[in-house]
Amino acid sequence: MSQQTTPPPGGTGATGRSVGPLDEVDRRILDELVRDGRLSIRTLAERVHVSRTNAYARVERLLRDGVITGFRAQVAPEPAGLGTSAYISLTIQQNTWREVSAELARVRYIEHAALLSGEHDVLALVRAPDNATLRDVVLGRVQGIAGVLSTRTWLVFEEFDGEQSPWP
């Protein structure tokens, strides 16, 4: 299988636009790959009850259409040495999203960032080794980005994945 990566932050992705409806076989393929992205095409085909050729063609189409954006290991932050997690909201100057997102993408320890509607403009998830590093990320790096007007930080005490996620 070929591997692709997620488009860069602030890119020209078609956010909110669907490629086309997924059928039940596509959904079962996604369920299986979310559970174990290292499945062989043969095992995947057996689990979703289609031929290997069909499974391979469907996975390639899901990759080409951008439904599957890549394959990676899921890492537990705390055992990996990132014991402090926080969400940081940013208020930014109007029309600076592209520049701000490009800078945020280069900040070590930011796992994810999203452009929002509402009271805050951006929400970023930071995973750092400790509170001192988190402070340096927020006060030293994020607040120093041109276009960032203000930030607000929420420490994460505990987190979990929802049981009703569309991808188990």
Protein backbone atom coordinates (compact mmCIF):
# COMPACT_ATOMS: atom_id res chain seq x y z
CA MET A 1 0.00 0.00 0.00
CA SER A 2 1.22 3.50 -0.66
CA GLN A 3 1.40 5.96 2.21
CA GLN A 4 0.36 9.58 2.18
CA THR A 5 0.56 12.28 4.78
CA THR A 6 -1.89 14.89 5.94
CA PRO A 7 -1.83 18.17 3.96
CA PRO A 8 0.11 20.96 5.66
CA PRO A 9 -1.73 23.23 8.11
CA GLY A 10 -3.40 26.19 6.49
CA GLY A 11 -3.29 24.37 3.17
CA THR A 12 -6.00 24.45 0.56
CA GLY A 13 -7.74 21.26 1.66
CA ALA A 14 -11.43 20.86 0.93
CA THR A 15 -12.52 21.07 4.57
CA GLY A 16 -16.13 20.09 5.03
CA ARG A 17 -16.52 18.69 1.51
CA SER A 18 -17.15 14.99 1.07
CA VAL A 19 -15.53 13.06 -1.77
CA GLY A 20 -18.53 10.83 -2.16
CA PRO A 21 -20.63 8.48 -0.09
CA LEU A 22 -18.81 5.56 1.47
CA ASP A 23 -20.52 2.21 1.18
CA GLU A 24 -20.67 -0.44 3.90
CA VAL A 25 -17.52 -2.20 2.66
CA ASP A 26 -15.57 1.08 2.72
CA ARG A 27 -16.75 1.69 6.29
CA ARG A 28 -15.72 -1.82 7.38
CA ILE A 29 -12.30 -1.31 5.76
CA LEU A 30 -11.87 1.97 7.65
CA ASP A 31 -13.00 0.34 10.91
CA GLU A 32 -10.44 -2.44 10.50
CA LEU A 33 -7.59 -0.10 9.53
CA VAL A 34 -8.32 2.24 12.45
CA ARG A 35 -8.14 -0.76 14.78
CA ASP A 36 -4.90 -1.98 13.18
CA GLY A 37 -3.25 0.05 10.43
CA ARG A 38 -0.65 -2.69 9.96
CA LEU A 39 -3.13 -5.22 8.54
CA SER A 40 -2.06 -6.91 5.36
CA ILE A 41 -4.38 -6.58 2.38
CA ARG A 42 -4.98 -10.32 2.60
CA THR A 43 -6.12 -10.16 6.24
CA LEU A 44 -8.15 -7.01 5.57
CA ALA A 45 -9.92 -8.70 2.65
CA GLU A 46 -10.72 -11.74 4.81
CA ARG A 47 -12.13 -9.60 7.62
CA VAL A 48 -14.42 -7.53 5.36
CA HIS A 49 -15.31 -10.50 3.12
CA VAL A 50 -14.07 -9.19 -0.23
CA SER A 51 -11.36 -10.34 -2.62
CA ARG A 52 -7.77 -9.15 -2.12
CA THR A 53 -7.98 -7.30 -5.44
CA ASN A 54 -11.15 -5.51 -4.32
CA ALA A 55 -9.66 -4.66 -0.92
CA TYR A 56 -6.45 -3.33 -2.50
CA ALA A 57 -8.39 -1.23 -5.04
CA ARG A 58 -10.64 0.20 -2.34
CA VAL A 59 -7.73 1.12 -0.04
CA GLU A 60 -5.91 2.76 -2.95
CA ARG A 61 -9.08 4.74 -3.82
CA LEU A 62 -9.56 5.79 -0.18
CA LEU A 63 -5.94 7.00 -0.15
CA ARG A 64 -6.26 8.78 -3.52
CA ASP A 65 -9.52 10.48 -2.47
CA GLY A 66 -7.93 11.66 0.78
CA VAL A 67 -10.27 9.63 3.01
CA ILE A 68 -7.25 7.79 4.42
CA THR A 69 -4.47 10.30 5.01
CA GLY A 70 -1.77 7.93 6.17
CA PHE A 71 -0.77 5.22 8.60
CA ARG A 72 0.93 5.79 11.93
CA ALA A 73 1.43 4.47 15.42
CA GLN A 74 -0.82 5.74 18.19
CA VAL A 75 1.44 6.88 21.02
CA ALA A 76 0.35 7.21 24.64
CA PRO A 77 1.71 10.64 25.68
CA GLU A 78 2.56 9.97 29.35
CA PRO A 79 4.58 6.76 28.88
CA ALA A 80 6.36 8.51 25.99
CA GLY A 81 7.54 11.29 28.34
CA LEU A 82 4.87 13.91 27.59
CA GLY A 83 3.14 14.12 30.97
CA THR A 84 1.60 17.59 30.59
CA SER A 85 -1.20 18.21 28.11
CA ALA A 86 -3.12 21.43 27.56
CA TYR A 87 -5.44 23.10 25.12
CA ILE A 88 -4.49 26.63 24.14
CA SER A 89 -6.99 28.95 22.51
CA LEU A 90 -5.64 31.80 20.43
CA THR A 91 -7.23 35.01 19.33
CA ILE A 92 -5.51 36.18 16.16
CA GLN A 93 -5.60 39.22 13.91
CA GLN A 94 -8.08 38.95 11.08
CA ASN A 95 -6.65 37.38 7.90
CA THR A 96 -3.50 35.98 9.58
CA TRP A 97 -4.58 32.31 9.76
CA ARG A 98 -2.20 31.12 7.04
CA GLU A 99 0.84 32.78 8.59
CA VAL A 100 -0.11 31.83 12.16
CA SER A 101 -0.86 28.21 11.23
CA ALA A 102 2.47 27.91 9.39
CA GLU A 103 4.28 29.12 12.51
CA LEU A 104 2.23 26.90 14.85
CA ALA A 105 3.12 23.87 12.73
CA ARG A 106 6.79 24.54 13.53
CA VAL A 107 6.29 24.79 17.32
CA ARG A 108 7.57 21.68 19.04
CA TYR A 109 4.99 19.92 21.24
CA ILE A 110 1.91 21.20 19.36
CA GLU A 111 0.12 18.02 18.36
CA HIS A 112 -2.92 19.53 16.65
CA ALA A 113 -4.36 22.94 15.82
CA ALA A 114 -7.72 23.95 14.36
CA LEU A 115 -9.26 27.16 13.04
CA LEU A 116 -12.55 27.80 14.85
CA SER A 117 -15.62 29.93 14.63
CA GLY A 118 -16.83 31.63 17.78
CA GLU A 119 -15.13 33.38 20.66
CA HIS A 120 -11.63 32.04 19.93
CA ASP A 121 -9.97 31.72 16.53
CA VAL A 122 -7.61 28.78 17.02
CA LEU A 123 -7.47 25.81 19.38
CA ALA A 124 -4.18 23.93 19.77
CA LEU A 125 -3.40 20.75 21.68
CA VAL A 126 0.02 20.82 23.33
CA ARG A 127 1.74 17.77 24.81
CA ALA A 128 4.89 18.66 26.73
CA PRO A 129 7.21 16.87 29.16
CA ASP A 130 6.35 19.19 32.07
CA ASN A 131 4.74 22.47 33.12
CA ALA A 132 7.94 24.48 32.60
CA THR A 133 8.11 23.35 28.97
CA LEU A 134 4.41 24.10 28.53
CA ARG A 135 5.03 27.60 29.88
CA ASP A 136 7.89 28.09 27.39
CA VAL A 137 5.69 26.87 24.52
CA VAL A 138 2.85 29.26 25.41
CA LEU A 139 4.76 32.32 26.58
CA GLY A 140 7.89 31.96 24.51
CA ARG A 141 6.78 30.51 21.22
CA VAL A 142 3.02 30.84 20.68
CA GLN A 143 2.57 34.34 22.09
CA GLY A 144 5.60 35.45 20.07
CA ILE A 145 4.00 34.57 16.73
CA ALA A 146 3.10 37.62 14.66
CA GLY A 147 -0.69 37.89 14.47
CA VAL A 148 -1.40 36.25 17.85
CA LEU A 149 -3.29 38.77 19.99
CA SER A 150 -3.97 36.63 23.07
CA THR A 151 -3.98 33.08 24.39
CA ARG A 152 -5.83 31.12 27.04
CA THR A 153 -4.60 27.77 28.40
CA TRP A 154 -6.52 24.84 29.90
CA LEU A 155 -4.59 21.99 31.53
CA VAL A 156 -5.85 18.49 30.74
CA PHE A 157 -6.26 16.35 33.86
CA GLU A 158 -7.56 13.23 32.13
CA GLU A 159 -8.69 12.28 28.65
CA PHE A 160 -10.40 9.43 26.84
CA ASP A 161 -11.69 8.49 23.41
CA GLY A 162 -15.45 8.40 22.94
CA GLU A 163 -17.10 5.02 22.73
CA GLN A 164 -19.41 6.19 19.96
CA SER A 165 -16.66 7.46 17.65
CA PRO A 166 -17.39 6.69 14.00
CA TRP A 167 -14.02 4.89 13.85
CA PRO A 168 -13.50 2.55 16.84
